[in-house]
Amino acid sequence: MRLAFIIALVTLACSAGPTPTRGANQATGAATAHSAAPDSMAVRVHGPTLISFYPTVTQAQIDSSEDLATVLDDFSHHLSTAQDSLRAMGFTLIDHPPGAIRIIDASGSRDIVLAPDSAYVGFVLIAPGRRDQVIYGVMTGSELIDTGHQFLAAAPSR
């Protein structure tokens, strides 16, 4: 699966296409900035929030790359199997295109800028009083649920 994911990302990066449509590794690195994302795409956070991000691709790109189709299908499938449990834990689930994500919460606003050399699919976990967590790549439904539990159980940041 890792090879397929890498091939899919290379295919996506190397293919030039028209305006797109929406369609396994972990890291926590992302920059926080204070100006890049437009407010119209802002994510308002009032409690635990899981933001999923994945590339926008054309149907032609999906049709021409079985690996890309598999990555996006797996990503969507695993997220859908976990969403009821994540909501039961109190998470709000939001889809967002990759790139800068403007977060607005009680403490103000900030941008989370995803690493440009990272996977184009992943998740951002946010909650008031907690340090933002960025996870790149596809996760299974049970991994998402476990990650949600660990995130909520972590000591609040100061």
C-alpha atoms as a PDB file:
ATOM      1  CA  MET A   1       0.000   0.000   0.000  1.00  0.00           C
ATOM      2  CA  ARG A   2       2.872   2.390   0.756  1.00  0.00           C
ATOM      3  CA  LEU A   3       4.324   1.919  -2.745  1.00  0.00           C
ATOM      4  CA  ALA A   4       0.902   2.462  -4.283  1.00  0.00           C
ATOM      5  CA  PHE A   5       0.473   5.656  -2.264  1.00  0.00           C
ATOM      6  CA  ILE A   6       3.878   7.003  -3.354  1.00  0.00           C
ATOM      7  CA  ILE A   7       3.160   6.165  -6.983  1.00  0.00           C
ATOM      8  CA  ALA A   8      -0.228   7.874  -6.721  1.00  0.00           C
ATOM      9  CA  LEU A   9       1.344  11.038  -5.349  1.00  0.00           C
ATOM     10  CA  VAL A  10       4.049  11.068  -8.033  1.00  0.00           C
ATOM     11  CA  THR A  11       1.378  10.553 -10.691  1.00  0.00           C
ATOM     12  CA  LEU A  12      -0.693  13.373  -9.261  1.00  0.00           C
ATOM     13  CA  ALA A  13       2.271  15.720  -9.015  1.00  0.00           C
ATOM     14  CA  CYS A  14       3.459  14.967 -12.557  1.00  0.00           C
ATOM     15  CA  SER A  15       0.108  15.232 -14.287  1.00  0.00           C
ATOM     16  CA  ALA A  16      -1.063  18.563 -15.533  1.00  0.00           C
ATOM     17  CA  GLY A  17      -4.780  18.715 -15.677  1.00  0.00           C
ATOM     18  CA  PRO A  18      -7.685  21.104 -15.877  1.00  0.00           C
ATOM     19  CA  THR A  19      -9.653  22.372 -12.913  1.00  0.00           C
ATOM     20  CA  PRO A  20     -10.159  19.367 -10.606  1.00  0.00           C
ATOM     21  CA  THR A  21     -13.043  17.748  -8.775  1.00  0.00           C
ATOM     22  CA  ARG A  22     -12.847  16.215  -5.250  1.00  0.00           C
ATOM     23  CA  GLY A  23     -12.159  12.834  -4.961  1.00  0.00           C
ATOM     24  CA  ALA A  24       0.152   5.803   5.289  1.00  0.00           C
ATOM     25  CA  ASN A  25       2.341   7.563   7.204  1.00  0.00           C
ATOM     26  CA  GLN A  26       2.141   9.773  10.246  1.00  0.00           C
ATOM     27  CA  ALA A  27       3.783  13.069  10.966  1.00  0.00           C
ATOM     28  CA  THR A  28       2.904  15.992  13.134  1.00  0.00           C
ATOM     29  CA  GLY A  29       4.828  18.734  11.378  1.00  0.00           C
ATOM     30  CA  ALA A  30       2.991  21.730  10.011  1.00  0.00           C
ATOM     31  CA  ALA A  31       3.662  25.405  10.213  1.00  0.00           C
ATOM     32  CA  THR A  32       1.331  27.814  11.903  1.00  0.00           C
ATOM     33  CA  ALA A  33       1.083  31.166  10.151  1.00  0.00           C
ATOM     34  CA  HIS A  34      -1.139  34.178  10.602  1.00  0.00           C
ATOM     35  CA  SER A  35      -2.358  35.277   7.160  1.00  0.00           C
ATOM     36  CA  ALA A  36      -2.518  32.905   4.153  1.00  0.00           C
ATOM     37  CA  ALA A  37      -5.943  31.219   4.096  1.00  0.00           C
ATOM     38  CA  PRO A  38      -9.017  33.223   3.077  1.00  0.00           C
ATOM     39  CA  ASP A  39     -11.693  33.687   5.763  1.00  0.00           C
ATOM     40  CA  SER A  40     -14.311  32.158   3.442  1.00  0.00           C
ATOM     41  CA  MET A  41     -12.555  28.804   3.896  1.00  0.00           C
ATOM     42  CA  ALA A  42     -12.085  29.316   7.637  1.00  0.00           C
ATOM     43  CA  VAL A  43     -12.819  26.494  10.049  1.00  0.00           C
ATOM     44  CA  ARG A  44     -14.576  27.699  13.184  1.00  0.00           C
ATOM     45  CA  VAL A  45     -13.611  25.511  16.127  1.00  0.00           C
ATOM     46  CA  HIS A  46     -15.861  25.296  19.188  1.00  0.00           C
ATOM     47  CA  GLY A  47     -14.857  21.814  20.347  1.00  0.00           C
ATOM     48  CA  PRO A  48     -12.898  18.781  19.132  1.00  0.00           C
ATOM     49  CA  THR A  49     -12.614  18.984  15.341  1.00  0.00           C
ATOM     50  CA  LEU A  50     -11.183  16.580  12.777  1.00  0.00           C
ATOM     51  CA  ILE A  51     -10.399  18.161   9.418  1.00  0.00           C
ATOM     52  CA  SER A  52      -9.763  15.737   6.562  1.00  0.00           C
ATOM     53  CA  PHE A  53      -7.850  16.963   3.520  1.00  0.00           C
ATOM     54  CA  TYR A  54      -7.302  15.321   0.149  1.00  0.00           C
ATOM     55  CA  PRO A  55      -6.459  16.543  -3.356  1.00  0.00           C
ATOM     56  CA  THR A  56      -8.894  17.709  -5.941  1.00  0.00           C
ATOM     57  CA  VAL A  57      -8.423  15.657  -9.084  1.00  0.00           C
ATOM     58  CA  THR A  58     -10.166  15.214 -12.394  1.00  0.00           C
ATOM     59  CA  GLN A  59     -12.035  12.064 -13.287  1.00  0.00           C
ATOM     60  CA  ALA A  60      -9.468  11.600 -16.072  1.00  0.00           C
ATOM     61  CA  GLN A  61      -6.671  11.552 -13.480  1.00  0.00           C
ATOM     62  CA  ILE A  62      -8.535   8.952 -11.429  1.00  0.00           C
ATOM     63  CA  ASP A  63      -9.271   6.867 -14.527  1.00  0.00           C
ATOM     64  CA  SER A  64      -5.632   6.974 -15.617  1.00  0.00           C
ATOM     65  CA  SER A  65      -4.164   6.029 -12.231  1.00  0.00           C
ATOM     66  CA  GLU A  66      -5.413   2.951 -10.438  1.00  0.00           C
ATOM     67  CA  ASP A  67      -3.089   3.774  -7.534  1.00  0.00           C
ATOM     68  CA  LEU A  68      -4.531   7.267  -7.122  1.00  0.00           C
ATOM     69  CA  ALA A  69      -8.058   5.884  -7.306  1.00  0.00           C
ATOM     70  CA  THR A  70      -7.173   3.306  -4.647  1.00  0.00           C
ATOM     71  CA  VAL A  71      -5.667   5.907  -2.281  1.00  0.00           C
ATOM     72  CA  LEU A  72      -8.671   8.204  -2.544  1.00  0.00           C
ATOM     73  CA  ASP A  73     -11.120   5.300  -2.238  1.00  0.00           C
ATOM     74  CA  ASP A  74      -9.315   3.899   0.834  1.00  0.00           C
ATOM     75  CA  PHE A  75      -9.132   7.358   2.410  1.00  0.00           C
ATOM     76  CA  SER A  76     -12.859   7.931   1.938  1.00  0.00           C
ATOM     77  CA  HIS A  77     -13.846   4.409   3.016  1.00  0.00           C
ATOM     78  CA  HIS A  78     -11.839   4.423   6.259  1.00  0.00           C
ATOM     79  CA  LEU A  79     -13.031   7.919   7.192  1.00  0.00           C
ATOM     80  CA  SER A  80     -16.654   6.899   6.624  1.00  0.00           C
ATOM     81  CA  THR A  81     -16.274   3.804   8.836  1.00  0.00           C
ATOM     82  CA  ALA A  82     -14.928   5.945  11.698  1.00  0.00           C
ATOM     83  CA  GLN A  83     -17.166   8.991  11.495  1.00  0.00           C
ATOM     84  CA  ASP A  84     -19.990   7.772  13.768  1.00  0.00           C
ATOM     85  CA  SER A  85     -17.508   6.876  16.522  1.00  0.00           C
ATOM     86  CA  LEU A  86     -15.642  10.167  16.107  1.00  0.00           C
ATOM     87  CA  ARG A  87     -18.885  12.126  16.341  1.00  0.00           C
ATOM     88  CA  ALA A  88     -19.850  10.124  19.447  1.00  0.00           C
ATOM     89  CA  MET A  89     -16.551  11.290  21.000  1.00  0.00           C
ATOM     90  CA  GLY A  90     -17.604  14.872  20.319  1.00  0.00           C
ATOM     91  CA  PHE A  91     -15.644  15.572  17.122  1.00  0.00           C
ATOM     92  CA  THR A  92     -17.009  17.802  14.400  1.00  0.00           C
ATOM     93  CA  LEU A  93     -15.872  16.432  11.012  1.00  0.00           C
ATOM     94  CA  ILE A  94     -14.901  18.827   8.230  1.00  0.00           C
ATOM     95  CA  ASP A  95     -13.518  18.290   4.707  1.00  0.00           C
ATOM     96  CA  HIS A  96     -11.021  20.904   3.519  1.00  0.00           C
ATOM     97  CA  PRO A  97      -8.848  21.135   0.416  1.00  0.00           C
ATOM     98  CA  PRO A  98      -5.094  20.745   0.999  1.00  0.00           C
ATOM     99  CA  GLY A  99      -3.129  23.923   1.608  1.00  0.00           C
ATOM    100  CA  ALA A 100      -3.397  26.510   4.329  1.00  0.00           C
ATOM    101  CA  ILE A 101      -6.251  25.979   6.768  1.00  0.00           C
ATOM    102  CA  ARG A 102      -7.495  29.070   8.624  1.00  0.00           C
ATOM    103  CA  ILE A 103      -8.627  28.163  12.148  1.00  0.00           C
ATOM    104  CA  ILE A 104     -10.847  30.522  14.120  1.00  0.00           C
ATOM    105  CA  ASP A 105     -11.486  29.753  17.783  1.00  0.00           C
ATOM    106  CA  ALA A 106     -11.973  31.557  21.092  1.00  0.00           C
ATOM    107  CA  SER A 107      -8.296  32.555  21.193  1.00  0.00           C
ATOM    108  CA  GLY A 108      -8.311  34.183  17.726  1.00  0.00           C
ATOM    109  CA  SER A 109      -7.311  32.930  14.308  1.00  0.00           C
ATOM    110  CA  ARG A 110      -4.306  31.139  12.899  1.00  0.00           C
ATOM    111  CA  ASP A 111      -3.349  29.279   9.747  1.00  0.00           C
ATOM    112  CA  ILE A 112      -2.098  25.729   9.655  1.00  0.00           C
ATOM    113  CA  VAL A 113       0.124  25.423   6.604  1.00  0.00           C
ATOM    114  CA  LEU A 114       0.524  21.811   5.539  1.00  0.00           C
ATOM    115  CA  ALA A 115       4.036  20.721   4.589  1.00  0.00           C
ATOM    116  CA  PRO A 116       4.385  21.137   0.802  1.00  0.00           C
ATOM    117  CA  ASP A 117       6.421  17.936   0.429  1.00  0.00           C
ATOM    118  CA  SER A 118       3.969  15.824   2.415  1.00  0.00           C
ATOM    119  CA  ALA A 119       1.240  13.457   1.375  1.00  0.00           C
ATOM    120  CA  TYR A 120      -1.774  15.160  -0.151  1.00  0.00           C
ATOM    121  CA  VAL A 121      -4.187  13.298   2.116  1.00  0.00           C
ATOM    122  CA  GLY A 122      -4.481  13.394   5.863  1.00  0.00           C
ATOM    123  CA  PHE A 123      -6.111  14.833   8.938  1.00  0.00           C
ATOM    124  CA  VAL A 124      -5.809  17.745  11.345  1.00  0.00           C
ATOM    125  CA  LEU A 125      -7.104  17.318  14.898  1.00  0.00           C
ATOM    126  CA  ILE A 126      -7.947  20.492  16.797  1.00  0.00           C
ATOM    127  CA  ALA A 127      -9.561  21.145  20.158  1.00  0.00           C
ATOM    128  CA  PRO A 128      -9.600  24.142  22.480  1.00  0.00           C
ATOM    129  CA  GLY A 129      -6.690  23.953  24.911  1.00  0.00           C
ATOM    130  CA  ARG A 130      -4.913  21.241  22.895  1.00  0.00           C
ATOM    131  CA  ARG A 131      -1.974  21.438  20.525  1.00  0.00           C
ATOM    132  CA  ASP A 132      -3.035  20.959  16.888  1.00  0.00           C
ATOM    133  CA  GLN A 133      -2.044  17.573  15.460  1.00  0.00           C
ATOM    134  CA  VAL A 134      -1.440  16.987  11.736  1.00  0.00           C
ATOM    135  CA  ILE A 135      -1.388  13.429  10.404  1.00  0.00           C
ATOM    136  CA  TYR A 136      -0.396  12.765   6.805  1.00  0.00           C
ATOM    137  CA  GLY A 137      -1.567   9.734   4.837  1.00  0.00           C
ATOM    138  CA  VAL A 138      -4.372   7.191   4.922  1.00  0.00           C
ATOM    139  CA  MET A 139      -5.443   5.737   8.276  1.00  0.00           C
ATOM    140  CA  THR A 140      -7.831   2.854   8.870  1.00  0.00           C
ATOM    141  CA  GLY A 141     -11.103   3.527  10.668  1.00  0.00           C
ATOM    142  CA  SER A 142      -9.826   1.936  13.870  1.00  0.00           C
ATOM    143  CA  GLU A 143      -6.596   3.967  13.689  1.00  0.00           C
ATOM    144  CA  LEU A 144      -8.643   7.156  13.332  1.00  0.00           C
ATOM    145  CA  ILE A 145     -10.782   6.237  16.337  1.00  0.00           C
ATOM    146  CA  ASP A 146      -7.708   5.354  18.427  1.00  0.00           C
ATOM    147  CA  THR A 147      -6.011   8.602  17.385  1.00  0.00           C
ATOM    148  CA  GLY A 148      -9.128  10.548  18.386  1.00  0.00           C
ATOM    149  CA  HIS A 149      -9.139   8.902  21.822  1.00  0.00           C
ATOM    150  CA  GLN A 150      -5.404   9.592  22.304  1.00  0.00           C
ATOM    151  CA  PHE A 151      -5.810  13.195  21.194  1.00  0.00           C
ATOM    152  CA  LEU A 152      -8.616  13.838  23.665  1.00  0.00           C
ATOM    153  CA  ALA A 153      -6.799  11.999  26.466  1.00  0.00           C
ATOM    154  CA  ALA A 154      -3.576  14.007  26.034  1.00  0.00           C
ATOM    155  CA  ALA A 155      -2.866  16.641  28.652  1.00  0.00           C
ATOM    156  CA  PRO A 156      -4.072  20.089  27.573  1.00  0.00           C
ATOM    157  CA  SER A 157      -1.355  22.417  26.291  1.00  0.00           C
ATOM    158  CA  ARG A 158      -0.597  25.570  28.235  1.00  0.00           C
END
